[in-house]
Amino acid sequence: AKEMGVDFFVASPFTTLDVDLKSGDMIEIEERPPGEMLDSSGAPKGMSCWNPAFDVTPADYITGIITEKGVLRKGADGKFDVKGFVAKHS
């Protein structure tokens, strides 16, 4: 989206904003059982599969984060002030 000049917003529950993370690279990705994908897909028996519950979009590609408490946008420095947003809306 960014490369084409299109804004990209993430929709996220307010409670999932983690003020202790320095970077999205620190987010642990939950892995779901491969059968959730393979059992209903007609995939060949014995095929391997990585089934992440979600992914992490690099902050450079995100315009804003939409929560039920408002929209978190980047500051003048080009970064998200997650701590400030959470403090303001808690």
Protein backbone atom coordinates (compact mmCIF):
# COMPACT_ATOMS: atom_id res chain seq x y z
CA ALA A 1 0.00 0.00 0.00
CA LYS A 2 2.75 2.46 0.96
CA GLU A 3 4.59 1.94 -2.31
CA MET A 4 1.37 2.86 -4.18
CA GLY A 5 0.58 5.87 -1.96
CA VAL A 6 -2.32 4.14 -0.21
CA ASP A 7 -2.81 4.55 3.54
CA PHE A 8 -2.75 1.33 5.58
CA PHE A 9 -4.43 1.11 8.96
CA VAL A 10 -4.26 -1.70 11.51
CA ALA A 11 -7.43 -2.45 13.50
CA SER A 12 -6.47 -3.59 16.98
CA PRO A 13 -8.14 -3.85 20.39
CA PHE A 14 -6.79 -1.17 22.74
CA THR A 15 -5.84 -3.88 25.24
CA THR A 16 -3.33 -5.39 22.78
CA LEU A 17 -1.16 -2.26 22.67
CA ASP A 18 1.97 -3.23 24.61
CA VAL A 19 3.80 -0.26 26.10
CA ASP A 20 6.76 -2.42 27.15
CA LEU A 21 7.83 -3.46 23.64
CA LYS A 22 10.55 -1.40 22.02
CA SER A 23 9.78 -2.85 18.58
CA GLY A 24 7.28 -5.06 16.80
CA ASP A 25 10.18 -7.42 16.20
CA MET A 26 9.81 -8.43 19.85
CA ILE A 27 6.23 -9.65 19.40
CA GLU A 28 5.95 -13.41 19.84
CA ILE A 29 3.87 -14.91 17.05
CA GLU A 30 1.47 -17.59 18.27
CA GLU A 31 1.67 -20.69 16.13
CA ARG A 32 -1.58 -22.52 15.46
CA PRO A 33 -1.82 -26.26 14.69
CA PRO A 34 -1.05 -27.08 11.03
CA GLY A 35 -4.26 -29.14 10.86
CA GLU A 36 -6.33 -25.95 10.98
CA MET A 37 -5.06 -25.19 7.48
CA LEU A 38 -4.32 -28.61 6.06
CA ASP A 39 -7.36 -30.63 7.15
CA SER A 40 -9.82 -28.48 5.21
CA SER A 41 -7.68 -27.51 2.23
CA GLY A 42 -7.34 -30.75 0.33
CA ALA A 43 -3.57 -30.58 0.86
CA PRO A 44 -1.58 -33.76 0.26
CA LYS A 45 -1.21 -36.03 3.31
CA GLY A 46 2.06 -35.43 5.15
CA MET A 47 2.49 -31.88 3.82
CA SER A 48 4.11 -29.50 6.31
CA CYS A 49 2.63 -26.12 7.13
CA TRP A 50 3.49 -23.09 9.26
CA ASN A 51 0.27 -21.58 10.59
CA PRO A 52 0.85 -18.28 12.42
CA ALA A 53 -2.17 -16.84 14.26
CA PHE A 54 -1.26 -13.36 12.98
CA ASP A 55 1.61 -11.45 11.43
CA VAL A 56 3.40 -8.21 12.24
CA THR A 57 3.44 -5.42 9.67
CA PRO A 58 6.55 -3.22 9.89
CA ALA A 59 5.70 0.20 11.35
CA ASP A 60 7.06 1.95 8.25
CA TYR A 61 4.11 0.55 6.29
CA ILE A 62 1.42 1.52 8.82
CA THR A 63 -0.41 4.86 8.63
CA GLY A 64 -2.29 4.42 11.88
CA ILE A 65 -3.63 1.96 14.43
CA ILE A 66 -7.40 2.04 14.91
CA THR A 67 -8.64 1.09 18.39
CA GLU A 68 -11.97 1.47 20.14
CA LYS A 69 -10.42 4.43 22.00
CA GLY A 70 -9.26 6.31 18.91
CA VAL A 71 -6.67 6.25 16.16
CA LEU A 72 -2.98 6.22 16.99
CA ARG A 73 -1.01 8.10 14.33
CA LYS A 74 2.70 8.72 13.93
CA GLY A 75 4.17 11.83 15.47
CA ALA A 76 6.35 14.42 13.75
CA ASP A 77 9.31 12.06 14.27
CA GLY A 78 7.57 9.39 12.18
CA LYS A 79 7.12 7.04 15.15
CA PHE A 80 4.12 5.80 17.07
CA ASP A 81 3.93 7.02 20.68
CA VAL A 82 2.19 3.95 22.03
CA LYS A 83 2.98 4.81 25.68
CA GLY A 84 1.53 8.30 25.30
CA PHE A 85 -1.59 7.03 23.53
CA VAL A 86 -2.22 4.38 26.18
CA ALA A 87 -1.63 6.85 29.02
CA LYS A 88 -4.04 9.37 27.46
CA HIS A 89 -6.82 6.83 26.93
CA SER A 90 -6.48 4.65 30.05
